Amino acid sequence: MKVLTSMMMLIISLQSYCQNFSLNELINLTSYSPSKFTSYVSKRGYQPEQKESNFIKYRFKGNESQKADSNKVIIKYYEQKGSSISFERLTPVEYTQLKQLLNNQGFSSGILKSKQYTEVFQKNNLTLFTTAEIDLDENARYYNIMVEENTLPKAKEINYAEDLLQLDSHEQLLYVYGKANTSKDVFIDADGSAKNCSVLFPNTDRQAVFLWKDEANYRDIASIRIGGNIQTKNTIGFNRSINQNAWTSSQGIYQGMTLQELQQRNNDEIEFIGDNWNRGAMTANESSGKIDFKKISLVLGCLNCNEASYRKGKKITSTKALEEDKRIYVSGMILYQPSNEK
């Protein structure tokens, strides 16, 4: 119901631009098949102009009295993660009306540093990206709008830590888990630097901290941190005990796993960098074996790593540590999007 409400409010503002599509039609357009979408928009004066494997571009034709609108374009994209529609050539008046309506309906808004888009609006599983263009021939400004409706899992469908990577913004976290389980916070890194973050299930055994590439707008995952000695502004003063983190990795890793168990899981020795054990050692992403250390970094804790050789920031192998009977265990996990390079 939340999706329909958000989409309805958005569509109302675009009705004049889209040649009076009915409200119910436009609500359903994002999920339409190519043939069904073409049938609907053609009834409103839009005809296919370009067809590709993942999108179809439509241009408004209309009748003789509507030639001025011939530059209006709709592009329908078909993607696995959801569906999106691009509306091109909104006038400044139409764009101002759209922004006001989005604001009234509780969409968050922000400026983007991206070269492709200049503004972003977010609510639930809907994201709008906008950009302005100048038509030199007409000496006029127009606005292009990309509307994305992401297909998100239900909370009960998220079983492993990696499943959280499907939630790519604070608004999406709110949509899936609700306001009571999600909060904005400030992550404090080991070097003392601060970054905006979102925290899922704060101060519980299901806590997960989301760091964003776009900090200002709390979107676009940089990493997800689970367990470990994580410090945020709102957890510094929290002094109650928390049970071992309940999130497990789809690669079979969990907080509290011993180094011996980890090496057995990897079917090969593991390299890690020992330094400040109060913050945890980090696995090296060059480690080979079954575990993909380009998708996950592990924070390791140790109960008896007091020697200088374990504190100089040099690589240490799990084989050496086990031979020396070091009591090393998995303290936390850091997850990355599959396409990200650390």
C-alpha atoms as a PDB file:
ATOM      1  CA  MET A   1       0.000   0.000   0.000  1.00  0.00           C
ATOM      2  CA  LYS A   2       2.906   2.319   0.751  1.00  0.00           C
ATOM      3  CA  VAL A   3       4.218   1.823  -2.784  1.00  0.00           C
ATOM      4  CA  LEU A   4       0.882   2.648  -4.339  1.00  0.00           C
ATOM      5  CA  THR A   5       0.482   5.791  -2.260  1.00  0.00           C
ATOM      6  CA  SER A   6       3.931   7.089  -3.189  1.00  0.00           C
ATOM      7  CA  MET A   7       3.549   6.212  -6.824  1.00  0.00           C
ATOM      8  CA  MET A   8       0.071   7.733  -7.017  1.00  0.00           C
ATOM      9  CA  MET A   9       1.260  11.061  -5.666  1.00  0.00           C
ATOM     10  CA  LEU A  10       4.130  11.071  -8.107  1.00  0.00           C
ATOM     11  CA  ILE A  11       1.958  10.210 -11.061  1.00  0.00           C
ATOM     12  CA  ILE A  12      -0.615  12.899 -10.303  1.00  0.00           C
ATOM     13  CA  SER A  13       2.068  15.518 -10.808  1.00  0.00           C
ATOM     14  CA  LEU A  14       3.021  14.040 -14.175  1.00  0.00           C
ATOM     15  CA  GLN A  15      -0.460  13.673 -15.613  1.00  0.00           C
ATOM     16  CA  SER A  16      -0.396  16.921 -17.560  1.00  0.00           C
ATOM     17  CA  TYR A  17       2.968  16.048 -19.007  1.00  0.00           C
ATOM     18  CA  CYS A  18       1.949  12.512 -19.907  1.00  0.00           C
ATOM     19  CA  GLN A  19      -1.101  13.582 -21.838  1.00  0.00           C
ATOM     20  CA  ASN A  20      -3.647  12.700 -19.149  1.00  0.00           C
ATOM     21  CA  PHE A  21      -2.878   9.098 -18.364  1.00  0.00           C
ATOM     22  CA  SER A  22      -5.380   7.831 -15.827  1.00  0.00           C
ATOM     23  CA  LEU A  23      -4.130   7.379 -12.288  1.00  0.00           C
ATOM     24  CA  ASN A  24      -4.604   3.598 -12.124  1.00  0.00           C
ATOM     25  CA  GLU A  25      -2.920   3.095 -15.479  1.00  0.00           C
ATOM     26  CA  LEU A  26       0.200   4.957 -14.443  1.00  0.00           C
ATOM     27  CA  ILE A  27       0.421   3.144 -11.118  1.00  0.00           C
ATOM     28  CA  ASN A  28       0.738  -0.131 -12.963  1.00  0.00           C
ATOM     29  CA  LEU A  29       2.942   1.005 -15.850  1.00  0.00           C
ATOM     30  CA  THR A  30       6.263   0.177 -14.189  1.00  0.00           C
ATOM     31  CA  SER A  31       5.431  -3.543 -14.137  1.00  0.00           C
ATOM     32  CA  TYR A  32       3.962  -3.791 -17.625  1.00  0.00           C
ATOM     33  CA  SER A  33       5.494  -5.991 -20.301  1.00  0.00           C
ATOM     34  CA  PRO A  34       6.920  -4.237 -23.384  1.00  0.00           C
ATOM     35  CA  SER A  35       3.888  -5.054 -25.539  1.00  0.00           C
ATOM     36  CA  LYS A  36       1.375  -3.996 -22.905  1.00  0.00           C
ATOM     37  CA  PHE A  37       3.259  -0.787 -22.124  1.00  0.00           C
ATOM     38  CA  THR A  38       3.423   0.088 -25.829  1.00  0.00           C
ATOM     39  CA  SER A  39      -0.288  -0.469 -26.193  1.00  0.00           C
ATOM     40  CA  TYR A  40      -1.095   1.878 -23.320  1.00  0.00           C
ATOM     41  CA  VAL A  41       1.179   4.767 -24.230  1.00  0.00           C
ATOM     42  CA  SER A  42       0.238   4.590 -27.900  1.00  0.00           C
ATOM     43  CA  LYS A  43      -3.341   5.405 -26.909  1.00  0.00           C
ATOM     44  CA  ARG A  44      -2.004   8.639 -25.411  1.00  0.00           C
ATOM     45  CA  GLY A  45      -0.123   9.696 -28.496  1.00  0.00           C
ATOM     46  CA  TYR A  46       3.292   8.103 -27.836  1.00  0.00           C
ATOM     47  CA  GLN A  47       4.815   5.899 -30.515  1.00  0.00           C
ATOM     48  CA  PRO A  48       7.891   3.633 -30.317  1.00  0.00           C
ATOM     49  CA  GLU A  49      10.957   5.328 -31.762  1.00  0.00           C
ATOM     50  CA  GLN A  50      13.798   3.065 -30.628  1.00  0.00           C
ATOM     51  CA  LYS A  51      13.839  -0.502 -29.307  1.00  0.00           C
ATOM     52  CA  GLU A  52      16.752  -2.139 -27.511  1.00  0.00           C
ATOM     53  CA  SER A  53      17.111  -5.280 -25.410  1.00  0.00           C
ATOM     54  CA  ASN A  54      16.528  -3.448 -22.122  1.00  0.00           C
ATOM     55  CA  PHE A  55      14.508  -0.351 -23.060  1.00  0.00           C
ATOM     56  CA  ILE A  56      12.013   1.133 -25.488  1.00  0.00           C
ATOM     57  CA  LYS A  57      11.922   4.829 -26.322  1.00  0.00           C
ATOM     58  CA  TYR A  58       8.619   6.513 -27.166  1.00  0.00           C
ATOM     59  CA  ARG A  59       8.070   9.973 -28.642  1.00  0.00           C
ATOM     60  CA  PHE A  60       4.862  11.954 -28.432  1.00  0.00           C
ATOM     61  CA  LYS A  61       3.221  12.389 -31.823  1.00  0.00           C
ATOM     62  CA  GLY A  62      -0.251  13.652 -31.009  1.00  0.00           C
ATOM     63  CA  ASN A  63      -2.270  15.561 -33.567  1.00  0.00           C
ATOM     64  CA  GLU A  64      -1.560  18.682 -35.600  1.00  0.00           C
ATOM     65  CA  SER A  65      -2.381  21.040 -32.723  1.00  0.00           C
ATOM     66  CA  GLN A  66       0.077  19.235 -30.405  1.00  0.00           C
ATOM     67  CA  LYS A  67       3.246  19.536 -32.497  1.00  0.00           C
ATOM     68  CA  ALA A  68       4.842  21.653 -29.795  1.00  0.00           C
ATOM     69  CA  ASP A  69       4.960  18.554 -27.608  1.00  0.00           C
ATOM     70  CA  SER A  70       6.777  16.428 -30.200  1.00  0.00           C
ATOM     71  CA  ASN A  71      10.009  16.575 -28.188  1.00  0.00           C
ATOM     72  CA  LYS A  72       8.413  14.905 -25.187  1.00  0.00           C
ATOM     73  CA  VAL A  73       9.844  11.437 -24.641  1.00  0.00           C
ATOM     74  CA  ILE A  74       9.160   8.441 -22.388  1.00  0.00           C
ATOM     75  CA  ILE A  75      11.719   5.659 -22.035  1.00  0.00           C
ATOM     76  CA  LYS A  76      10.664   2.407 -20.360  1.00  0.00           C
ATOM     77  CA  TYR A  77      13.545   0.342 -18.973  1.00  0.00           C
ATOM     78  CA  TYR A  78      13.378  -3.353 -18.135  1.00  0.00           C
ATOM     79  CA  GLU A  79      15.825  -4.536 -15.487  1.00  0.00           C
ATOM     80  CA  GLN A  80      16.071  -7.490 -13.117  1.00  0.00           C
ATOM     81  CA  LYS A  81      16.167  -5.468  -9.887  1.00  0.00           C
ATOM     82  CA  GLY A  82      13.020  -3.511 -10.733  1.00  0.00           C
ATOM     83  CA  SER A  83      11.649  -1.201 -13.354  1.00  0.00           C
ATOM     84  CA  SER A  84      12.141   2.419 -14.293  1.00  0.00           C
ATOM     85  CA  ILE A  85      10.649   5.080 -16.538  1.00  0.00           C
ATOM     86  CA  SER A  86      12.346   8.203 -17.839  1.00  0.00           C
ATOM     87  CA  PHE A  87      10.262  11.326 -18.537  1.00  0.00           C
ATOM     88  CA  GLU A  88      12.067  13.907 -20.645  1.00  0.00           C
ATOM     89  CA  ARG A  89      11.441  17.579 -21.360  1.00  0.00           C
ATOM     90  CA  LEU A  90       9.433  18.710 -18.330  1.00  0.00           C
ATOM     91  CA  THR A  91       9.042  22.486 -18.247  1.00  0.00           C
ATOM     92  CA  PRO A  92      10.294  24.498 -15.234  1.00  0.00           C
ATOM     93  CA  VAL A  93       6.678  24.976 -14.125  1.00  0.00           C
ATOM     94  CA  GLU A  94       5.979  21.228 -14.292  1.00  0.00           C
ATOM     95  CA  TYR A  95       9.208  20.489 -12.459  1.00  0.00           C
ATOM     96  CA  THR A  96       8.465  22.982  -9.686  1.00  0.00           C
ATOM     97  CA  GLN A  97       5.030  21.451  -9.209  1.00  0.00           C
ATOM     98  CA  LEU A  98       6.590  17.983  -9.072  1.00  0.00           C
ATOM     99  CA  LYS A  99       9.129  18.988  -6.419  1.00  0.00           C
ATOM    100  CA  GLN A 100       6.445  20.594  -4.271  1.00  0.00           C
ATOM    101  CA  LEU A 101       4.264  17.521  -4.446  1.00  0.00           C
ATOM    102  CA  LEU A 102       7.143  15.183  -3.601  1.00  0.00           C
ATOM    103  CA  ASN A 103       8.019  17.357  -0.632  1.00  0.00           C
ATOM    104  CA  ASN A 104       4.405  17.350   0.567  1.00  0.00           C
ATOM    105  CA  GLN A 105       4.301  13.556   0.349  1.00  0.00           C
ATOM    106  CA  GLY A 106       7.394  13.063   2.499  1.00  0.00           C
ATOM    107  CA  PHE A 107      10.044  12.324  -0.105  1.00  0.00           C
ATOM    108  CA  SER A 108      13.549  13.132   1.079  1.00  0.00           C
ATOM    109  CA  SER A 109      15.495  15.291  -1.365  1.00  0.00           C
ATOM    110  CA  GLY A 110      19.123  16.098  -1.939  1.00  0.00           C
ATOM    111  CA  ILE A 111      21.773  17.302  -4.340  1.00  0.00           C
ATOM    112  CA  LEU A 112      23.897  14.779  -6.221  1.00  0.00           C
ATOM    113  CA  LYS A 113      27.552  15.109  -7.167  1.00  0.00           C
ATOM    114  CA  SER A 114      27.031  12.689 -10.026  1.00  0.00           C
ATOM    115  CA  LYS A 115      27.720  13.879 -13.573  1.00  0.00           C
ATOM    116  CA  GLN A 116      24.571  12.181 -14.838  1.00  0.00           C
ATOM    117  CA  TYR A 117      22.013  13.523 -12.336  1.00  0.00           C
ATOM    118  CA  THR A 118      21.781  16.643 -10.179  1.00  0.00           C
ATOM    119  CA  GLU A 119      18.998  15.916  -7.665  1.00  0.00           C
ATOM    120  CA  VAL A 120      17.535  12.845  -5.968  1.00  0.00           C
ATOM    121  CA  PHE A 121      14.190  12.214  -4.266  1.00  0.00           C
ATOM    122  CA  GLN A 122      13.579   9.083  -2.196  1.00  0.00           C
ATOM    123  CA  LYS A 123      10.726   7.357  -0.420  1.00  0.00           C
ATOM    124  CA  ASN A 124      10.143   3.664   0.275  1.00  0.00           C
ATOM    125  CA  ASN A 125      11.248   1.722  -2.812  1.00  0.00           C
ATOM    126  CA  LEU A 126      10.912   4.716  -5.150  1.00  0.00           C
ATOM    127  CA  THR A 127      13.830   6.869  -6.243  1.00  0.00           C
ATOM    128  CA  LEU A 128      13.701   9.833  -8.637  1.00  0.00           C
ATOM    129  CA  PHE A 129      16.795  11.251 -10.278  1.00  0.00           C
ATOM    130  CA  THR A 130      16.570  14.575 -12.069  1.00  0.00           C
ATOM    131  CA  THR A 131      18.792  16.643 -14.310  1.00  0.00           C
ATOM    132  CA  ALA A 132      18.386  19.921 -16.172  1.00  0.00           C
ATOM    133  CA  GLU A 133      19.267  20.605 -19.795  1.00  0.00           C
ATOM    134  CA  ILE A 134      19.400  23.740 -21.891  1.00  0.00           C
ATOM    135  CA  ASP A 135      17.933  23.703 -25.389  1.00  0.00           C
ATOM    136  CA  LEU A 136      20.111  26.215 -27.201  1.00  0.00           C
ATOM    137  CA  ASP A 137      17.815  26.326 -30.216  1.00  0.00           C
ATOM    138  CA  GLU A 138      14.838  27.273 -28.078  1.00  0.00           C
ATOM    139  CA  ASN A 139      16.888  29.097 -25.430  1.00  0.00           C
ATOM    140  CA  ALA A 140      14.850  27.195 -22.815  1.00  0.00           C
ATOM    141  CA  ARG A 141      15.525  24.995 -19.802  1.00  0.00           C
ATOM    142  CA  TYR A 142      13.961  21.538 -19.472  1.00  0.00           C
ATOM    143  CA  TYR A 143      14.126  18.801 -16.864  1.00  0.00           C
ATOM    144  CA  ASN A 144      14.492  15.052 -17.281  1.00  0.00           C
ATOM    145  CA  ILE A 145      13.194  12.678 -14.612  1.00  0.00           C
ATOM    146  CA  MET A 146      14.211   9.053 -14.027  1.00  0.00           C
ATOM    147  CA  VAL A 147      11.748   7.157 -11.827  1.00  0.00           C
ATOM    148  CA  GLU A 148      13.021   3.879 -10.373  1.00  0.00           C
ATOM    149  CA  GLU A 149      10.816   1.408  -8.560  1.00  0.00           C
ATOM    150  CA  ASN A 150      13.004  -1.265  -6.991  1.00  0.00           C
ATOM    151  CA  THR A 151      11.767  -4.757  -6.264  1.00  0.00           C
ATOM    152  CA  LEU A 152      12.793  -5.340  -2.655  1.00  0.00           C
ATOM    153  CA  PRO A 153      12.631  -8.489  -0.545  1.00  0.00           C
ATOM    154  CA  LYS A 154      10.418  -8.813   2.488  1.00  0.00           C
ATOM    155  CA  ALA A 155      12.172  -8.882   5.845  1.00  0.00           C
ATOM    156  CA  LYS A 156      11.404 -12.585   6.251  1.00  0.00           C
ATOM    157  CA  GLU A 157      13.191 -13.279   2.941  1.00  0.00           C
ATOM    158  CA  ILE A 158      16.474 -11.811   4.194  1.00  0.00           C
ATOM    159  CA  ASN A 159      18.298 -14.717   5.793  1.00  0.00           C
ATOM    160  CA  TYR A 160      22.029 -14.103   5.314  1.00  0.00           C
ATOM    161  CA  ALA A 161      24.153 -11.024   5.876  1.00  0.00           C
ATOM    162  CA  GLU A 162      24.767 -10.736   2.129  1.00  0.00           C
ATOM    163  CA  ASP A 163      21.018 -10.455   1.537  1.00  0.00           C
ATOM    164  CA  LEU A 164      21.193  -7.001   3.149  1.00  0.00           C
ATOM    165  CA  LEU A 165      23.130  -5.765   0.114  1.00  0.00           C
ATOM    166  CA  GLN A 166      19.804  -5.601  -1.740  1.00  0.00           C
ATOM    167  CA  LEU A 167      18.826  -2.586   0.392  1.00  0.00           C
ATOM    168  CA  ASP A 168      20.705   0.278  -1.214  1.00  0.00           C
ATOM    169  CA  SER A 169      19.464   3.301   0.746  1.00  0.00           C
ATOM    170  CA  HIS A 170      18.193   4.366   4.149  1.00  0.00           C
ATOM    171  CA  GLU A 171      14.710   4.754   2.669  1.00  0.00           C
ATOM    172  CA  GLN A 172      14.786   1.143   1.483  1.00  0.00           C
ATOM    173  CA  LEU A 173      15.823  -0.003   4.960  1.00  0.00           C
ATOM    174  CA  LEU A 174      12.848   1.890   6.388  1.00  0.00           C
ATOM    175  CA  TYR A 175      10.546   0.352   3.790  1.00  0.00           C
ATOM    176  CA  VAL A 176      11.585  -3.231   4.596  1.00  0.00           C
ATOM    177  CA  TYR A 177      12.278  -3.066   8.344  1.00  0.00           C
ATOM    178  CA  GLY A 178      10.340  -0.035   9.556  1.00  0.00           C
ATOM    179  CA  LYS A 179      11.243   3.104  11.457  1.00  0.00           C
ATOM    180  CA  ALA A 180      11.421   1.328  14.823  1.00  0.00           C
ATOM    181  CA  ASN A 181      14.297  -0.853  13.614  1.00  0.00           C
ATOM    182  CA  THR A 182      16.266   1.674  11.551  1.00  0.00           C
ATOM    183  CA  SER A 183      18.106   4.840  12.514  1.00  0.00           C
ATOM    184  CA  LYS A 184      20.540   7.358  11.069  1.00  0.00           C
ATOM    185  CA  ASP A 185      23.838   7.653  12.910  1.00  0.00           C
ATOM    186  CA  VAL A 186      27.476   8.704  12.542  1.00  0.00           C
ATOM    187  CA  PHE A 187      30.129   5.998  12.173  1.00  0.00           C
ATOM    188  CA  ILE A 188      33.462   6.737  13.854  1.00  0.00           C
ATOM    189  CA  ASP A 189      36.363   5.110  12.023  1.00  0.00           C
ATOM    190  CA  ALA A 190      39.587   3.872  13.607  1.00  0.00           C
ATOM    191  CA  ASP A 191      41.384   7.064  12.563  1.00  0.00           C
ATOM    192  CA  GLY A 192      38.732   9.204  14.242  1.00  0.00           C
ATOM    193  CA  SER A 193      37.045  10.323  11.024  1.00  0.00           C
ATOM    194  CA  ALA A 194      33.241  10.435  10.990  1.00  0.00           C
ATOM    195  CA  LYS A 195      30.861   9.234   8.281  1.00  0.00           C
ATOM    196  CA  ASN A 196      27.086   9.288   7.974  1.00  0.00           C
ATOM    197  CA  CYS A 197      25.644   5.817   8.314  1.00  0.00           C
ATOM    198  CA  SER A 198      22.403   3.923   8.850  1.00  0.00           C
ATOM    199  CA  VAL A 199      22.039   1.345  11.601  1.00  0.00           C
ATOM    200  CA  LEU A 200      19.684  -1.595  11.383  1.00  0.00           C
ATOM    201  CA  PHE A 201      18.547  -3.012  14.742  1.00  0.00           C
ATOM    202  CA  PRO A 202      20.840  -0.710  16.752  1.00  0.00           C
ATOM    203  CA  ASN A 203      22.354  -2.069  19.978  1.00  0.00           C
ATOM    204  CA  THR A 204      20.976  -5.573  19.454  1.00  0.00           C
ATOM    205  CA  ASP A 205      22.415  -8.914  18.367  1.00  0.00           C
ATOM    206  CA  ARG A 206      21.123  -8.167  14.832  1.00  0.00           C
ATOM    207  CA  GLN A 207      22.853  -4.819  14.429  1.00  0.00           C
ATOM    208  CA  ALA A 208      24.207  -3.986  10.978  1.00  0.00           C
ATOM    209  CA  VAL A 209      25.838  -0.662  10.091  1.00  0.00           C
ATOM    210  CA  PHE A 210      25.433   0.621   6.519  1.00  0.00           C
ATOM    211  CA  LEU A 211      28.095   3.000   5.177  1.00  0.00           C
ATOM    212  CA  TRP A 212      27.143   4.947   2.059  1.00  0.00           C
ATOM    213  CA  LYS A 213      29.096   6.223  -0.932  1.00  0.00           C
ATOM    214  CA  ASP A 214      26.579   9.072  -1.089  1.00  0.00           C
ATOM    215  CA  GLU A 215      26.691  10.056   2.582  1.00  0.00           C
ATOM    216  CA  ALA A 216      24.614  13.197   2.156  1.00  0.00           C
ATOM    217  CA  ASN A 217      21.641  11.248   0.809  1.00  0.00           C
ATOM    218  CA  TYR A 218      22.189   7.981   2.697  1.00  0.00           C
ATOM    219  CA  ARG A 219      22.274   5.834  -0.431  1.00  0.00           C
ATOM    220  CA  ASP A 220      24.536   3.651  -2.593  1.00  0.00           C
ATOM    221  CA  ILE A 221      26.201   1.070  -0.322  1.00  0.00           C
ATOM    222  CA  ALA A 222      29.939   1.395   0.318  1.00  0.00           C
ATOM    223  CA  SER A 223      29.981  -1.440   2.855  1.00  0.00           C
ATOM    224  CA  ILE A 224      27.956  -3.115   5.593  1.00  0.00           C
ATOM    225  CA  ARG A 225      29.639  -3.738   8.938  1.00  0.00           C
ATOM    226  CA  ILE A 226      28.432  -6.485  11.222  1.00  0.00           C
ATOM    227  CA  GLY A 227      29.865  -7.233  14.653  1.00  0.00           C
ATOM    228  CA  GLY A 228      33.361  -6.134  15.597  1.00  0.00           C
ATOM    229  CA  ASN A 229      34.210  -3.172  17.753  1.00  0.00           C
ATOM    230  CA  ILE A 230      31.978  -0.736  15.862  1.00  0.00           C
ATOM    231  CA  GLN A 231      31.609   2.754  17.257  1.00  0.00           C
ATOM    232  CA  THR A 232      28.886   5.188  16.276  1.00  0.00           C
ATOM    233  CA  LYS A 233      27.784   8.428  17.869  1.00  0.00           C
ATOM    234  CA  ASN A 234      24.735   6.796  19.426  1.00  0.00           C
ATOM    235  CA  THR A 235      26.542   3.690  20.741  1.00  0.00           C
ATOM    236  CA  ILE A 236      29.443   5.341  22.548  1.00  0.00           C
ATOM    237  CA  GLY A 237      27.419   5.739  25.729  1.00  0.00           C
ATOM    238  CA  PHE A 238      25.666   2.353  25.431  1.00  0.00           C
ATOM    239  CA  ASN A 239      27.034   0.124  28.206  1.00  0.00           C
ATOM    240  CA  ARG A 240      24.636  -2.811  28.298  1.00  0.00           C
ATOM    241  CA  SER A 241      25.860  -6.204  27.117  1.00  0.00           C
ATOM    242  CA  ILE A 242      24.849  -7.467  23.672  1.00  0.00           C
ATOM    243  CA  ASN A 243      24.806 -11.114  22.671  1.00  0.00           C
ATOM    244  CA  GLN A 244      26.959 -12.419  19.825  1.00  0.00           C
ATOM    245  CA  ASN A 245      25.772 -10.995  16.507  1.00  0.00           C
ATOM    246  CA  ALA A 246      23.172 -13.264  14.928  1.00  0.00           C
ATOM    247  CA  TRP A 247      23.918 -12.450  11.277  1.00  0.00           C
ATOM    248  CA  THR A 248      25.779 -15.187   9.413  1.00  0.00           C
ATOM    249  CA  SER A 249      27.393 -15.049   6.000  1.00  0.00           C
ATOM    250  CA  SER A 250      26.191 -17.162   3.092  1.00  0.00           C
ATOM    251  CA  GLN A 251      29.819 -18.315   2.934  1.00  0.00           C
ATOM    252  CA  GLY A 252      29.364 -20.013   6.309  1.00  0.00           C
ATOM    253  CA  ILE A 253      31.088 -17.387   8.470  1.00  0.00           C
ATOM    254  CA  TYR A 254      29.753 -16.093  11.775  1.00  0.00           C
ATOM    255  CA  GLN A 255      30.908 -13.997  14.697  1.00  0.00           C
ATOM    256  CA  GLY A 256      32.851 -16.088  17.204  1.00  0.00           C
ATOM    257  CA  MET A 257      34.117 -18.567  14.592  1.00  0.00           C
ATOM    258  CA  THR A 258      37.623 -19.699  15.534  1.00  0.00           C
ATOM    259  CA  LEU A 259      40.599 -19.260  13.250  1.00  0.00           C
ATOM    260  CA  GLN A 260      40.919 -23.018  12.912  1.00  0.00           C
ATOM    261  CA  GLU A 261      37.287 -23.321  11.825  1.00  0.00           C
ATOM    262  CA  LEU A 262      37.770 -20.422   9.432  1.00  0.00           C
ATOM    263  CA  GLN A 263      40.809 -22.034   7.818  1.00  0.00           C
ATOM    264  CA  GLN A 264      38.917 -25.293   7.448  1.00  0.00           C
ATOM    265  CA  ARG A 265      36.003 -23.442   5.844  1.00  0.00           C
ATOM    266  CA  ASN A 266      38.403 -21.744   3.422  1.00  0.00           C
ATOM    267  CA  ASN A 267      40.196 -25.011   2.662  1.00  0.00           C
ATOM    268  CA  ASP A 268      43.430 -23.023   2.626  1.00  0.00           C
ATOM    269  CA  GLU A 269      45.439 -20.811   4.933  1.00  0.00           C
ATOM    270  CA  ILE A 270      44.350 -17.215   5.432  1.00  0.00           C
ATOM    271  CA  GLU A 271      46.453 -14.083   5.546  1.00  0.00           C
ATOM    272  CA  PHE A 272      45.614 -11.262   7.921  1.00  0.00           C
ATOM    273  CA  ILE A 273      47.207  -8.046   9.098  1.00  0.00           C
ATOM    274  CA  GLY A 274      47.780  -7.720  12.829  1.00  0.00           C
ATOM    275  CA  ASP A 275      48.028  -4.251  14.303  1.00  0.00           C
ATOM    276  CA  ASN A 276      45.710  -2.690  16.888  1.00  0.00           C
ATOM    277  CA  TRP A 277      43.824  -5.669  18.250  1.00  0.00           C
ATOM    278  CA  ASN A 278      41.501  -3.388  20.174  1.00  0.00           C
ATOM    279  CA  ARG A 279      39.994  -2.517  16.787  1.00  0.00           C
ATOM    280  CA  GLY A 280      40.651  -5.969  15.312  1.00  0.00           C
ATOM    281  CA  ALA A 281      42.969  -7.410  12.678  1.00  0.00           C
ATOM    282  CA  MET A 282      41.839  -7.504   9.052  1.00  0.00           C
ATOM    283  CA  THR A 283      41.955 -10.372   6.586  1.00  0.00           C
ATOM    284  CA  ALA A 284      43.859  -9.675   3.366  1.00  0.00           C
ATOM    285  CA  ASN A 285      41.811  -9.796   0.176  1.00  0.00           C
ATOM    286  CA  GLU A 286      44.646 -11.660  -1.577  1.00  0.00           C
ATOM    287  CA  SER A 287      43.918 -14.782   0.478  1.00  0.00           C
ATOM    288  CA  SER A 288      43.059 -17.739  -1.731  1.00  0.00           C
ATOM    289  CA  GLY A 289      40.666 -20.593  -1.070  1.00  0.00           C
ATOM    290  CA  LYS A 290      36.906 -21.092  -1.018  1.00  0.00           C
ATOM    291  CA  ILE A 291      36.055 -17.828   0.740  1.00  0.00           C
ATOM    292  CA  ASP A 292      35.752 -14.829  -1.579  1.00  0.00           C
ATOM    293  CA  PHE A 293      37.684 -12.147   0.303  1.00  0.00           C
ATOM    294  CA  LYS A 294      36.887  -9.562  -2.362  1.00  0.00           C
ATOM    295  CA  LYS A 295      33.242  -9.661  -1.259  1.00  0.00           C
ATOM    296  CA  ILE A 296      33.869  -9.915   2.462  1.00  0.00           C
ATOM    297  CA  SER A 297      36.543  -8.757   4.875  1.00  0.00           C
ATOM    298  CA  LEU A 298      36.780 -10.280   8.318  1.00  0.00           C
ATOM    299  CA  VAL A 299      37.645  -8.467  11.502  1.00  0.00           C
ATOM    300  CA  LEU A 300      39.618 -10.804  13.775  1.00  0.00           C
ATOM    301  CA  GLY A 301      39.994 -10.614  17.525  1.00  0.00           C
ATOM    302  CA  CYS A 302      42.681 -12.287  19.625  1.00  0.00           C
ATOM    303  CA  LEU A 303      42.926 -13.176  23.298  1.00  0.00           C
ATOM    304  CA  ASN A 304      46.701 -13.707  23.431  1.00  0.00           C
ATOM    305  CA  CYS A 305      48.378 -11.764  20.595  1.00  0.00           C
ATOM    306  CA  ASN A 306      50.689  -9.657  22.728  1.00  0.00           C
ATOM    307  CA  GLU A 307      53.958 -10.160  20.840  1.00  0.00           C
ATOM    308  CA  ALA A 308      55.328  -7.325  18.737  1.00  0.00           C
ATOM    309  CA  SER A 309      55.260  -9.546  15.652  1.00  0.00           C
ATOM    310  CA  TYR A 310      51.446  -9.506  15.854  1.00  0.00           C
ATOM    311  CA  ARG A 311      51.236  -5.738  16.191  1.00  0.00           C
ATOM    312  CA  LYS A 312      53.436  -4.313  13.436  1.00  0.00           C
ATOM    313  CA  GLY A 313      50.865  -4.183  10.678  1.00  0.00           C
ATOM    314  CA  LYS A 314      52.510  -7.033   8.774  1.00  0.00           C
ATOM    315  CA  LYS A 315      50.824  -9.979   7.116  1.00  0.00           C
ATOM    316  CA  ILE A 316      50.512 -13.109   9.225  1.00  0.00           C
ATOM    317  CA  THR A 317      49.276 -16.491   8.046  1.00  0.00           C
ATOM    318  CA  SER A 318      46.659 -18.519   9.853  1.00  0.00           C
ATOM    319  CA  THR A 319      49.018 -21.515   9.697  1.00  0.00           C
ATOM    320  CA  LYS A 320      51.677 -19.631  11.687  1.00  0.00           C
ATOM    321  CA  ALA A 321      49.125 -18.301  14.182  1.00  0.00           C
ATOM    322  CA  LEU A 322      47.662 -21.753  14.791  1.00  0.00           C
ATOM    323  CA  GLU A 323      51.119 -23.285  15.216  1.00  0.00           C
ATOM    324  CA  GLU A 324      51.761 -20.665  17.907  1.00  0.00           C
ATOM    325  CA  ASP A 325      48.439 -21.494  19.559  1.00  0.00           C
ATOM    326  CA  LYS A 326      46.981 -18.030  19.113  1.00  0.00           C
ATOM    327  CA  ARG A 327      43.366 -17.730  20.242  1.00  0.00           C
ATOM    328  CA  ILE A 328      42.066 -15.823  17.228  1.00  0.00           C
ATOM    329  CA  TYR A 329      38.405 -15.631  16.263  1.00  0.00           C
ATOM    330  CA  VAL A 330      36.048 -13.783  13.907  1.00  0.00           C
ATOM    331  CA  SER A 331      34.979 -10.579  15.616  1.00  0.00           C
ATOM    332  CA  GLY A 332      33.089  -8.978  12.706  1.00  0.00           C
ATOM    333  CA  MET A 333      32.351  -8.915   8.990  1.00  0.00           C
ATOM    334  CA  ILE A 334      32.511  -6.173   6.376  1.00  0.00           C
ATOM    335  CA  LEU A 335      30.424  -6.824   3.259  1.00  0.00           C
ATOM    336  CA  TYR A 336      30.834  -5.260  -0.174  1.00  0.00           C
ATOM    337  CA  GLN A 337      28.681  -5.190  -3.289  1.00  0.00           C
ATOM    338  CA  PRO A 338      29.836  -7.953  -5.690  1.00  0.00           C
ATOM    339  CA  SER A 339      30.993  -5.401  -8.294  1.00  0.00           C
ATOM    340  CA  ASN A 340      32.958  -3.298  -5.793  1.00  0.00           C
ATOM    341  CA  GLU A 341      36.706  -3.427  -5.627  1.00  0.00           C
ATOM    342  CA  LYS A 342      38.191  -2.723  -2.226  1.00  0.00           C
END
